[in-house]
């Protein structure tokens, strides 16, 4: 055949726990899935240190981590259906939880375990799916959760290895030499103005005592490089959050977002590679991506 097969554009999002995909990138994943992009979600931990039935927390004598992990895997599948994901890759490393002291984290947990095998896993997944865009957390994990910070560190290590070999091979046109390409890399972001707007709407609807994401999670508006419009996929995001029915944090966020609504809803990012050098902000993670064969 003389026709050249066009490779499907691919977005890979690397998260720490089941439900992170919905709360932080749900609209983005749904938007690109609907546009025909192959959406690959990598979830690093099993979520076993999340809420058990009836909201029981880790450490309670009726909290059974294996059962929690099984339920959260099912909820993740349902969230993936709501978002139209092409593939969910569950690495199922042990959830670190949020103990009072980092020293109390199980040495076998994701945030403390030997990172080399996990970097190799992530590197292999990048080579398997050859994404055009990779999304993960910023260095502080967005929320400072140890599993989020570790996800950033290990994803960056895998990306560095990909960069060291020049990226993925790309077939050249007839008479030209083949080349290589690197995916674009983005960090999930929340602008301070967006967080303040959510807090204002939540307090107006639900009272001043309502929980809202802390402003400390936010970055200056000028540091946001890319804003993805998710207005057509807001309800996909809410359905994905609703799928994580066992988790009180996800349901608290769902309540806020459902009752307060969203005007011109967006999800925000910082482009980390190629580094942002100023100019007009992006509205599309795939801006400038050349579809390769």
Protein backbone atom coordinates (compact mmCIF):
# COMPACT_ATOMS: atom_id res chain seq x y z
CA UNK A 1 0.00 0.00 0.00
CA UNK A 2 1.22 3.51 -0.80
CA UNK A 3 -1.02 5.21 1.71
CA UNK A 4 0.59 6.23 4.97
CA UNK A 5 -1.18 5.28 8.19
CA UNK A 6 -1.78 8.35 10.34
CA UNK A 7 -1.11 7.72 13.99
CA UNK A 8 -3.90 8.68 16.36
CA UNK A 9 -2.99 11.68 18.56
CA UNK A 10 -2.49 10.59 22.16
CA UNK A 11 -2.81 12.25 25.55
CA UNK A 12 -1.26 10.51 28.57
CA UNK A 13 -2.21 11.74 32.06
CA UNK A 14 -0.31 10.37 35.07
CA UNK A 15 -2.10 10.57 38.42
CA UNK A 16 -1.50 9.21 41.91
CA UNK A 17 -4.89 7.89 43.09
CA UNK A 18 -8.28 6.85 41.76
CA UNK A 19 -10.49 10.01 41.70
CA UNK A 20 -7.60 12.42 40.94
CA UNK A 21 -8.37 12.02 37.25
CA UNK A 22 -11.89 13.34 37.77
CA UNK A 23 -11.23 16.18 40.19
CA UNK A 24 -8.20 17.65 38.42
CA UNK A 25 -8.32 16.71 34.74
CA UNK A 26 -11.80 15.26 34.14
CA UNK A 27 -13.02 17.94 31.75
CA UNK A 28 -9.79 17.90 29.77
CA UNK A 29 -9.84 14.11 29.37
CA UNK A 30 -13.49 14.15 28.30
CA UNK A 31 -12.94 16.98 25.82
CA UNK A 32 -10.04 15.30 24.05
CA UNK A 33 -11.66 11.87 24.11
CA UNK A 34 -14.71 13.34 22.36
CA UNK A 35 -12.40 14.91 19.76
CA UNK A 36 -10.98 11.49 18.84
CA UNK A 37 -7.76 11.72 20.82
CA UNK A 38 -6.55 8.49 22.41
CA UNK A 39 -6.71 9.22 26.15
CA UNK A 40 -4.47 7.09 28.37
CA UNK A 41 -4.82 7.44 32.14
CA UNK A 42 -2.06 6.04 34.35
CA UNK A 43 -2.98 5.71 38.04
CA UNK A 44 0.05 4.92 40.19
CA UNK A 45 -1.48 3.67 43.46
CA UNK A 46 -4.31 1.37 44.48
CA UNK A 47 -6.01 3.98 46.68
CA UNK A 48 -6.18 1.49 49.56
CA UNK A 49 -5.69 4.22 52.17
CA UNK A 50 -8.85 6.02 51.13
CA UNK A 51 -12.25 5.89 52.82
CA UNK A 52 -13.84 2.52 53.49
CA UNK A 53 -17.58 1.86 53.68
CA UNK A 54 -19.48 4.36 55.85
CA UNK A 55 -16.55 6.77 55.60
CA UNK A 56 -14.25 4.76 57.87
CA UNK A 57 -10.70 6.10 57.78
CA UNK A 58 -7.40 4.17 57.70
CA UNK A 59 -6.52 2.93 61.18
CA UNK A 60 -10.10 2.09 62.13
CA UNK A 61 -10.38 -1.57 63.05
CA UNK A 62 -13.03 -2.10 60.35
CA UNK A 63 -11.00 -0.39 57.63
CA UNK A 64 -9.84 -3.13 55.25
CA UNK A 65 -7.37 -1.76 52.68
CA UNK A 66 -7.79 -4.64 50.21
CA UNK A 67 -11.55 -4.08 50.08
CA UNK A 68 -11.06 -0.33 49.70
CA UNK A 69 -8.66 -0.88 46.80
CA UNK A 70 -11.11 -3.24 45.08
CA UNK A 71 -13.97 -0.79 45.39
CA UNK A 72 -11.88 2.11 44.18
CA UNK A 73 -10.75 0.14 41.15
CA UNK A 74 -14.41 -0.34 40.23
CA UNK A 75 -15.12 3.35 40.77
CA UNK A 76 -12.15 4.26 38.58
CA UNK A 77 -13.57 2.11 35.80
CA UNK A 78 -16.93 3.90 36.06
CA UNK A 79 -15.18 7.28 36.02
CA UNK A 80 -13.33 6.22 32.90
CA UNK A 81 -16.63 5.40 31.20
CA UNK A 82 -17.99 8.85 32.12
CA UNK A 83 -14.90 10.49 30.62
CA UNK A 84 -14.72 8.26 27.54
CA UNK A 85 -11.17 7.14 28.29
CA UNK A 86 -9.40 4.93 25.79
CA UNK A 87 -7.28 3.12 28.34
CA UNK A 88 -6.78 3.02 32.10
CA UNK A 89 -3.44 1.65 33.30
CA UNK A 90 -3.48 0.80 37.01
CA UNK A 91 0.02 0.36 38.40
CA UNK A 92 -1.49 -0.56 41.80
CA UNK A 93 1.44 0.44 43.98
CA UNK A 94 0.61 0.69 47.68
CA UNK A 95 -1.14 3.92 48.64
CA UNK A 96 0.94 5.94 51.14
CA UNK A 97 -2.03 7.57 52.83
CA UNK A 98 -1.61 10.71 54.95
CA UNK A 99 -0.14 9.68 58.31
CA UNK A 100 0.74 12.26 60.95
CA UNK A 101 4.44 11.94 60.14
CA UNK A 102 6.23 10.94 56.91
CA UNK A 103 8.19 8.47 59.03
CA UNK A 104 4.94 6.58 59.61
CA UNK A 105 4.49 5.79 55.91
CA UNK A 106 5.00 2.11 55.17
CA UNK A 107 8.45 1.71 53.53
CA UNK A 108 6.77 -0.44 50.88
CA UNK A 109 4.33 2.34 49.95
CA UNK A 110 4.57 4.22 46.68
CA UNK A 111 6.11 7.37 48.12
CA UNK A 112 8.94 5.48 49.83
CA UNK A 113 9.52 2.40 47.68
CA UNK A 114 12.47 2.05 45.31
CA UNK A 115 11.67 4.35 42.42
CA UNK A 116 13.76 2.68 39.73
CA UNK A 117 11.28 -0.11 38.85
CA UNK A 118 8.45 2.44 38.71
CA UNK A 119 10.44 4.77 36.46
CA UNK A 120 11.00 1.80 34.13
CA UNK A 121 7.25 1.10 34.15
CA UNK A 122 6.44 4.68 33.21
CA UNK A 123 9.19 4.80 30.60
CA UNK A 124 7.86 1.60 29.03
CA UNK A 125 4.32 3.01 28.95
CA UNK A 126 5.55 6.15 27.22
CA UNK A 127 7.27 4.08 24.56
CA UNK A 128 4.21 1.85 24.18
CA UNK A 129 1.67 4.66 23.70
CA UNK A 130 4.01 7.34 22.30
CA UNK A 131 1.92 10.25 23.60
CA UNK A 132 1.95 13.67 21.97
CA UNK A 133 1.17 15.25 25.33
CA UNK A 134 1.99 14.10 28.88
CA UNK A 135 0.25 15.68 31.90
CA UNK A 136 1.17 15.21 35.55
CA UNK A 137 1.56 17.17 38.80
CA UNK A 138 3.93 20.08 39.46
CA UNK A 139 6.89 19.52 41.82
CA UNK A 140 4.77 20.14 44.93
CA UNK A 141 2.25 17.55 43.81
CA UNK A 142 -0.37 20.33 43.70
CA UNK A 143 -1.51 19.33 47.20
CA UNK A 144 1.82 18.25 48.79
CA UNK A 145 0.46 14.72 49.18
CA UNK A 146 3.50 12.39 49.24
CA UNK A 147 2.07 10.19 46.48
CA UNK A 148 1.44 13.23 44.27
CA UNK A 149 4.99 14.50 44.81
CA UNK A 150 6.35 11.03 44.06
CA UNK A 151 4.25 10.80 40.91
CA UNK A 152 5.80 14.04 39.69
CA UNK A 153 9.34 12.87 40.51
CA UNK A 154 9.05 9.50 38.80
CA UNK A 155 7.19 10.80 35.75
CA UNK A 156 9.88 13.43 35.29
CA UNK A 157 12.59 10.77 35.60
CA UNK A 158 10.90 8.69 32.89
CA UNK A 159 10.50 11.78 30.70
CA UNK A 160 14.20 12.60 31.16
CA UNK A 161 15.14 9.15 29.89
CA UNK A 162 12.88 9.64 26.90
CA UNK A 163 14.55 12.99 26.24
CA UNK A 164 18.00 11.37 26.52
CA UNK A 165 17.26 9.13 23.53
CA UNK A 166 15.70 11.96 21.56
CA UNK A 167 12.10 10.89 21.98
CA UNK A 168 10.08 8.56 19.78
CA UNK A 169 11.13 7.52 16.27
CA UNK A 170 9.22 9.15 13.42
CA UNK A 171 9.24 7.74 9.92
CA UNK A 172 10.49 10.19 7.31
CA UNK A 173 8.75 11.01 4.08
CA UNK A 174 9.97 9.29 0.92
CA UNK A 175 13.58 10.24 0.33
CA UNK A 176 14.09 11.77 3.79
CA UNK A 177 15.70 10.41 6.91
CA UNK A 178 13.56 9.34 9.86
CA UNK A 179 13.54 11.64 12.86
CA UNK A 180 12.49 11.65 16.49
CA UNK A 181 9.99 13.64 18.52
CA UNK A 182 9.35 14.44 22.17
CA UNK A 183 5.89 14.87 23.67
CA UNK A 184 4.86 18.18 25.20
CA UNK A 185 4.83 18.07 29.00
CA UNK A 186 2.35 19.90 31.23
CA UNK A 187 1.80 20.35 34.96
CA UNK A 188 -1.71 20.53 36.39
CA UNK A 189 -2.38 23.99 37.81
CA UNK A 190 -4.98 25.97 39.74
CA UNK A 191 -4.87 29.75 39.53
CA UNK A 192 -5.46 31.72 42.72
CA UNK A 193 -8.25 33.68 41.03
CA UNK A 194 -10.04 30.47 40.10
CA UNK A 195 -9.76 29.11 43.64
CA UNK A 196 -11.06 32.37 45.07
CA UNK A 197 -14.02 32.32 42.70
CA UNK A 198 -14.89 28.76 43.77
CA UNK A 199 -14.65 29.76 47.45
CA UNK A 200 -16.87 32.81 46.92
CA UNK A 201 -19.57 30.84 45.13
CA UNK A 202 -19.40 27.97 47.62
CA UNK A 203 -19.73 30.22 50.65
CA UNK A 204 -22.62 32.10 49.05
CA UNK A 205 -24.49 28.86 48.38
CA UNK A 206 -23.43 26.67 51.31
CA UNK A 207 -22.29 28.98 54.09
CA UNK A 208 -18.97 30.24 55.37
CA UNK A 209 -18.07 26.93 57.03
CA UNK A 210 -18.08 24.95 53.76
CA UNK A 211 -14.84 23.18 52.82
CA UNK A 212 -13.16 24.52 49.70
CA UNK A 213 -9.76 23.73 48.16
CA UNK A 214 -7.15 25.78 50.04
CA UNK A 215 -5.76 28.86 48.33
CA UNK A 216 -2.26 27.49 49.02
CA UNK A 217 -2.84 25.09 46.13
CA UNK A 218 -3.02 28.01 43.71
CA UNK A 219 -0.39 29.74 41.60
CA UNK A 220 -0.31 33.29 40.27
CA UNK A 221 -2.59 33.75 37.29
CA UNK A 222 0.36 34.96 35.21
CA UNK A 223 2.09 31.61 35.70
CA UNK A 224 -0.70 29.67 33.98
CA UNK A 225 0.35 29.02 30.39
CA UNK A 226 -2.56 26.96 29.10
CA UNK A 227 -6.29 27.13 29.76
CA UNK A 228 -8.53 24.38 28.39
CA UNK A 229 -12.21 25.22 27.93
CA UNK A 230 -14.30 22.37 29.36
CA UNK A 231 -17.71 24.05 29.18
CA UNK A 232 -19.07 21.33 26.91
CA UNK A 233 -17.79 18.62 29.25
CA UNK A 234 -18.61 19.97 32.69
CA UNK A 235 -21.24 17.30 33.29
CA UNK A 236 -18.79 14.58 32.24
CA UNK A 237 -16.47 15.82 34.99
CA UNK A 238 -19.31 15.78 37.53
CA UNK A 239 -20.36 12.26 36.52
CA UNK A 240 -16.77 11.09 36.90
CA UNK A 241 -16.59 12.61 40.38
CA UNK A 242 -19.93 11.00 41.26
CA UNK A 243 -18.49 7.61 40.29
CA UNK A 244 -16.10 7.87 43.25
CA UNK A 245 -19.01 7.59 45.67
CA UNK A 246 -16.99 6.02 48.49
CA UNK A 247 -14.58 8.94 48.85
CA UNK A 248 -15.65 11.86 51.03
CA UNK A 249 -13.20 14.31 49.44
CA UNK A 250 -14.48 13.58 45.95
CA UNK A 251 -18.09 13.90 47.11
CA UNK A 252 -17.39 17.17 48.94
CA UNK A 253 -15.92 18.61 45.75
CA UNK A 254 -18.83 17.24 43.72
CA UNK A 255 -21.27 18.99 46.07
CA UNK A 256 -19.47 22.30 45.71
CA UNK A 257 -19.21 22.12 41.94
CA UNK A 258 -22.78 20.87 41.48
CA UNK A 259 -24.44 23.47 43.69
CA UNK A 260 -22.34 26.46 42.78
CA UNK A 261 -22.14 25.76 39.06
CA UNK A 262 -19.33 27.06 36.88
CA UNK A 263 -19.25 30.04 34.58
CA UNK A 264 -16.93 29.47 31.65
CA UNK A 265 -15.38 26.37 33.25
CA UNK A 266 -11.76 25.64 32.46
CA UNK A 267 -8.89 23.45 33.60
CA UNK A 268 -5.49 25.09 33.85
CA UNK A 269 -1.93 23.96 33.15
CA UNK A 270 1.67 25.07 33.08
CA UNK A 271 3.69 24.00 30.06
CA UNK A 272 6.92 22.56 31.38
CA UNK A 273 8.47 21.22 28.17
CA UNK A 274 9.17 22.86 25.85
CA UNK A 275 9.59 25.57 28.49
CA UNK A 276 7.27 28.53 28.31
CA UNK A 277 9.06 31.64 27.02
CA UNK A 278 6.16 34.07 27.08
CA UNK A 279 3.74 35.29 24.47
CA UNK A 280 0.12 34.41 23.88
CA UNK A 281 -1.30 31.79 26.24
CA UNK A 282 -2.39 28.43 24.86
CA UNK A 283 -5.95 27.18 24.76
CA UNK A 284 -5.12 23.69 23.51
CA UNK A 285 -2.66 21.14 24.90
CA UNK A 286 -2.06 19.94 21.33
CA UNK A 287 -1.28 23.40 19.97
CA UNK A 288 1.70 23.09 17.64
CA UNK A 289 1.66 19.29 17.65
CA UNK A 290 2.31 17.90 14.19
CA UNK A 291 0.44 14.68 13.51
CA UNK A 292 3.06 12.08 12.74
CA UNK A 293 2.80 8.79 10.88
